[in-house]
Structure formats: structure tokens, C-alpha cells
Amino acid sequence: MSYALITEEPIDEAAVRAAVQSDTAGAVVLFHGIIRNHDGGQPVNSLDYSHHPQAQDFLEKIIAEEEARTGLKLSAVHRVGPLKIGDAALVAASAAAHRKEAFDAIENLVERIKAEVPIWKKQHFSSGSSEWVGL
């Protein structure tokens, strides 16, 4: 069973990893999307993530589709609400017999999450201005 979650709480990395680990996995790849202090040449102070009420459904669907396509175990948690520099916004994991499969799977999963899950961020810049991304 897939592990997919949209949450306002800090992400439990161990739970994301545990959801994919098995005796058949020779490789577990974890991706951490971390809030950085800059974007587009501007200093960033913080972010606010908003989401559509069905974002969880989108995330579950993507993980299920990617698991069916690859035959691998995948998991992902995306955080919403106010986040500060250094916080994890997305933690995703893949497990495979070999590292190349695990790396390829995590890259595809993260790209699909960013493109298809209705989550938007508002960046707050040091200048006092802000900008929505992903609308």
C-alpha cells in the first residue's frame, strides 16, 4: 500500500523511508525538497504552501500510477502551511533492487508531483514583496 500524505506537520522522514523499505530492496533513494533562502536572484525569508482540498487524492493517484508503471515501492509527503528556510517541503522515497531504478523512479515521481499535485507556494522576499508560484 502506498504512503502519500499532505500535512501541516513537519515531515517524518523515517515514516517515508519505512513505507518503501523491504528485504528485496538493495537501494532506497530519499529526496528532500528543502526551503532555500533565494529564488530568481532574490533573497527569500519564508514560504506559505496552499493546496486544493483534493491534493491528497492527486498525490495518492500519482504514486499508485508510478508504482504500477515501475513495479517499485514509492512514498511521498508534502507539507503545506507556513514554512521557513531549511524546512522540508517534500520528502519522497523509492526502493528498488538496484540504484539506477530507484534514482529514475524518484526523479519521475518528484517531477509528476511538482507538475500535477495542486499545491501552490507564496514566496516572501526580504524586500517585503511576495510572489505566488505554481498558480
C-alpha atoms as a PDB file:
ATOM      1  CA  MET A   1       0.000   0.000   0.000  1.00  0.00           C
ATOM      2  CA  SER A   2       1.261   3.427  -0.931  1.00  0.00           C
ATOM      3  CA  TYR A   3       2.159   6.074   1.606  1.00  0.00           C
ATOM      4  CA  ALA A   4       1.021   9.504   0.436  1.00  0.00           C
ATOM      5  CA  LEU A   5       0.274  12.425   2.707  1.00  0.00           C
ATOM      6  CA  ILE A   6      -0.383  16.160   2.596  1.00  0.00           C
ATOM      7  CA  THR A   7       0.245  17.609   6.065  1.00  0.00           C
ATOM      8  CA  GLU A   8       0.785  20.808   8.015  1.00  0.00           C
ATOM      9  CA  GLU A   9       3.093  18.976  10.419  1.00  0.00           C
ATOM     10  CA  PRO A  10       6.870  18.561   9.984  1.00  0.00           C
ATOM     11  CA  ILE A  11       7.571  15.567   7.743  1.00  0.00           C
ATOM     12  CA  ASP A  12       8.535  12.297   9.402  1.00  0.00           C
ATOM     13  CA  GLU A  13      11.400  11.173   7.151  1.00  0.00           C
ATOM     14  CA  ALA A  14      11.619   7.785   8.884  1.00  0.00           C
ATOM     15  CA  ALA A  15       7.970   7.031   8.026  1.00  0.00           C
ATOM     16  CA  VAL A  16       8.517   7.944   4.357  1.00  0.00           C
ATOM     17  CA  ARG A  17      11.558   5.662   4.215  1.00  0.00           C
ATOM     18  CA  ALA A  18       9.890   2.829   6.154  1.00  0.00           C
ATOM     19  CA  ALA A  19       6.985   2.815   3.703  1.00  0.00           C
ATOM     20  CA  VAL A  20       9.261   1.627   0.878  1.00  0.00           C
ATOM     21  CA  GLN A  21      11.909  -0.485   2.619  1.00  0.00           C
ATOM     22  CA  SER A  22      11.842  -4.246   2.156  1.00  0.00           C
ATOM     23  CA  ASP A  23      14.182  -7.227   2.116  1.00  0.00           C
ATOM     24  CA  THR A  24      14.198  -7.115  -1.703  1.00  0.00           C
ATOM     25  CA  ALA A  25      15.412  -3.506  -1.890  1.00  0.00           C
ATOM     26  CA  GLY A  26      19.113  -3.052  -2.492  1.00  0.00           C
ATOM     27  CA  ALA A  27      18.625   0.688  -2.896  1.00  0.00           C
ATOM     28  CA  VAL A  28      16.428   3.222  -1.150  1.00  0.00           C
ATOM     29  CA  VAL A  29      16.569   6.761  -2.508  1.00  0.00           C
ATOM     30  CA  LEU A  30      15.214   9.678  -0.473  1.00  0.00           C
ATOM     31  CA  PHE A  31      14.502  13.079  -1.954  1.00  0.00           C
ATOM     32  CA  HIS A  32      14.249  16.123   0.304  1.00  0.00           C
ATOM     33  CA  GLY A  33      12.825  19.321  -1.152  1.00  0.00           C
ATOM     34  CA  ILE A  34      14.155  21.965   1.246  1.00  0.00           C
ATOM     35  CA  ILE A  35      13.127  25.615   1.523  1.00  0.00           C
ATOM     36  CA  ARG A  36      16.091  27.675   0.345  1.00  0.00           C
ATOM     37  CA  ASN A  37      16.892  31.315   1.055  1.00  0.00           C
ATOM     38  CA  HIS A  38      16.778  32.576  -2.544  1.00  0.00           C
ATOM     39  CA  ASP A  39      14.855  32.333  -5.805  1.00  0.00           C
ATOM     40  CA  GLY A  40      15.344  34.132  -9.081  1.00  0.00           C
ATOM     41  CA  GLY A  41      18.195  36.170  -7.632  1.00  0.00           C
ATOM     42  CA  GLN A  42      16.087  37.467  -4.727  1.00  0.00           C
ATOM     43  CA  PRO A  43      16.565  36.634  -1.037  1.00  0.00           C
ATOM     44  CA  VAL A  44      13.630  34.602   0.340  1.00  0.00           C
ATOM     45  CA  ASN A  45      12.579  34.805   4.007  1.00  0.00           C
ATOM     46  CA  SER A  46       9.820  32.180   4.084  1.00  0.00           C
ATOM     47  CA  LEU A  47       7.113  30.389   2.088  1.00  0.00           C
ATOM     48  CA  ASP A  48       3.445  29.605   2.538  1.00  0.00           C
ATOM     49  CA  TYR A  49       2.133  26.496   0.772  1.00  0.00           C
ATOM     50  CA  SER A  50      -1.576  26.305  -0.070  1.00  0.00           C
ATOM     51  CA  HIS A  51      -3.350  23.304  -1.538  1.00  0.00           C
ATOM     52  CA  HIS A  52      -6.560  22.242  -3.198  1.00  0.00           C
ATOM     53  CA  PRO A  53      -8.819  20.102  -0.963  1.00  0.00           C
ATOM     54  CA  GLN A  54      -8.210  17.133  -3.290  1.00  0.00           C
ATOM     55  CA  ALA A  55      -4.397  17.430  -3.316  1.00  0.00           C
ATOM     56  CA  GLN A  56      -4.130  14.245  -1.230  1.00  0.00           C
ATOM     57  CA  ASP A  57      -6.152  12.358  -3.877  1.00  0.00           C
ATOM     58  CA  PHE A  58      -3.848  13.634  -6.630  1.00  0.00           C
ATOM     59  CA  LEU A  59      -0.770  12.561  -4.678  1.00  0.00           C
ATOM     60  CA  GLU A  60      -2.187   9.093  -3.987  1.00  0.00           C
ATOM     61  CA  LYS A  61      -3.105   8.652  -7.669  1.00  0.00           C
ATOM     62  CA  ILE A  62       0.345   9.660  -8.909  1.00  0.00           C
ATOM     63  CA  ILE A  63       2.101   7.307  -6.506  1.00  0.00           C
ATOM     64  CA  ALA A  64      -0.206   4.422  -7.449  1.00  0.00           C
ATOM     65  CA  GLU A  65       0.342   5.073 -11.170  1.00  0.00           C
ATOM     66  CA  GLU A  66       4.109   5.281 -10.793  1.00  0.00           C
ATOM     67  CA  GLU A  67       4.184   2.116  -8.663  1.00  0.00           C
ATOM     68  CA  ALA A  68       2.155   0.296 -11.331  1.00  0.00           C
ATOM     69  CA  ARG A  69       4.401   1.635 -14.111  1.00  0.00           C
ATOM     70  CA  THR A  70       7.704   0.810 -12.403  1.00  0.00           C
ATOM     71  CA  GLY A  71       6.801  -2.128 -10.170  1.00  0.00           C
ATOM     72  CA  LEU A  72       8.619  -0.317  -7.321  1.00  0.00           C
ATOM     73  CA  LYS A  73       7.532   0.879  -3.891  1.00  0.00           C
ATOM     74  CA  LEU A  74       7.173   4.661  -3.641  1.00  0.00           C
ATOM     75  CA  SER A  75       6.075   7.137  -0.993  1.00  0.00           C
ATOM     76  CA  ALA A  76       5.797  10.907  -0.612  1.00  0.00           C
ATOM     77  CA  VAL A  77       4.744  13.531   1.911  1.00  0.00           C
ATOM     78  CA  HIS A  78       4.227  17.204   1.020  1.00  0.00           C
ATOM     79  CA  ARG A  79       3.992  19.817   3.720  1.00  0.00           C
ATOM     80  CA  VAL A  80       1.636  22.791   3.468  1.00  0.00           C
ATOM     81  CA  GLY A  81       1.188  25.946   5.528  1.00  0.00           C
ATOM     82  CA  PRO A  82       3.929  28.356   6.607  1.00  0.00           C
ATOM     83  CA  LEU A  83       7.479  27.043   6.183  1.00  0.00           C
ATOM     84  CA  LYS A  84      10.794  28.664   6.985  1.00  0.00           C
ATOM     85  CA  ILE A  85      14.249  28.382   5.434  1.00  0.00           C
ATOM     86  CA  GLY A  86      15.644  24.882   5.975  1.00  0.00           C
ATOM     87  CA  ASP A  87      12.248  23.176   6.399  1.00  0.00           C
ATOM     88  CA  ALA A  88      11.453  20.131   4.248  1.00  0.00           C
ATOM     89  CA  ALA A  89       8.522  20.827   1.920  1.00  0.00           C
ATOM     90  CA  LEU A  90       8.589  17.438   0.165  1.00  0.00           C
ATOM     91  CA  VAL A  91      10.113  14.122   1.165  1.00  0.00           C
ATOM     92  CA  ALA A  92       9.759  11.229  -1.273  1.00  0.00           C
ATOM     93  CA  ALA A  93      11.266   7.752  -1.368  1.00  0.00           C
ATOM     94  CA  SER A  94      11.718   4.906  -3.807  1.00  0.00           C
ATOM     95  CA  ALA A  95      13.048   1.400  -3.280  1.00  0.00           C
ATOM     96  CA  ALA A  96      14.394  -0.967  -5.910  1.00  0.00           C
ATOM     97  CA  ALA A  97      16.730  -3.893  -6.265  1.00  0.00           C
ATOM     98  CA  HIS A  98      19.307  -1.586  -7.896  1.00  0.00           C
ATOM     99  CA  ARG A  99      20.188   2.112  -7.518  1.00  0.00           C
ATOM    100  CA  LYS A 100      19.553   3.235 -11.115  1.00  0.00           C
ATOM    101  CA  GLU A 101      15.933   2.075 -10.950  1.00  0.00           C
ATOM    102  CA  ALA A 102      15.463   3.790  -7.584  1.00  0.00           C
ATOM    103  CA  PHE A 103      17.019   7.077  -8.787  1.00  0.00           C
ATOM    104  CA  ASP A 104      14.990   7.059 -12.028  1.00  0.00           C
ATOM    105  CA  ALA A 105      11.768   6.341 -10.137  1.00  0.00           C
ATOM    106  CA  ILE A 106      12.282   9.127  -7.604  1.00  0.00           C
ATOM    107  CA  GLU A 107      13.075  11.643 -10.333  1.00  0.00           C
ATOM    108  CA  ASN A 108       9.889  10.777 -12.243  1.00  0.00           C
ATOM    109  CA  LEU A 109       7.796  10.814  -9.072  1.00  0.00           C
ATOM    110  CA  VAL A 110       9.037  14.225  -7.934  1.00  0.00           C
ATOM    111  CA  GLU A 111       8.561  15.750 -11.394  1.00  0.00           C
ATOM    112  CA  ARG A 112       4.972  14.479 -11.515  1.00  0.00           C
ATOM    113  CA  ILE A 113       4.229  15.742  -8.003  1.00  0.00           C
ATOM    114  CA  LYS A 114       5.519  19.214  -8.884  1.00  0.00           C
ATOM    115  CA  ALA A 115       3.565  19.269 -12.162  1.00  0.00           C
ATOM    116  CA  GLU A 116       0.283  17.621 -11.162  1.00  0.00           C
ATOM    117  CA  VAL A 117      -0.495  17.987  -7.457  1.00  0.00           C
ATOM    118  CA  PRO A 118      -2.456  21.225  -6.869  1.00  0.00           C
ATOM    119  CA  ILE A 119      -0.129  22.858  -4.360  1.00  0.00           C
ATOM    120  CA  TRP A 120       0.949  26.479  -4.692  1.00  0.00           C
ATOM    121  CA  LYS A 121       3.575  28.459  -2.856  1.00  0.00           C
ATOM    122  CA  LYS A 122       3.752  32.093  -1.916  1.00  0.00           C
ATOM    123  CA  GLN A 123       7.327  33.265  -1.522  1.00  0.00           C
ATOM    124  CA  HIS A 124       8.062  36.097   0.876  1.00  0.00           C
ATOM    125  CA  PHE A 125      11.140  38.056  -0.164  1.00  0.00           C
ATOM    126  CA  SER A 126      13.492  40.094   2.027  1.00  0.00           C
ATOM    127  CA  SER A 127      12.382  43.220   0.148  1.00  0.00           C
ATOM    128  CA  GLY A 128       8.898  42.844   1.638  1.00  0.00           C
ATOM    129  CA  SER A 129       7.331  41.767  -1.647  1.00  0.00           C
ATOM    130  CA  SER A 130       5.812  38.353  -2.260  1.00  0.00           C
ATOM    131  CA  GLU A 131       5.080  36.140  -5.265  1.00  0.00           C
ATOM    132  CA  TRP A 132       2.799  33.185  -5.943  1.00  0.00           C
ATOM    133  CA  VAL A 133       4.387  30.247  -7.767  1.00  0.00           C
ATOM    134  CA  GLY A 134       2.511  27.422  -9.464  1.00  0.00           C
ATOM    135  CA  LEU A 135      -0.855  29.113  -9.983  1.00  0.00           C
END
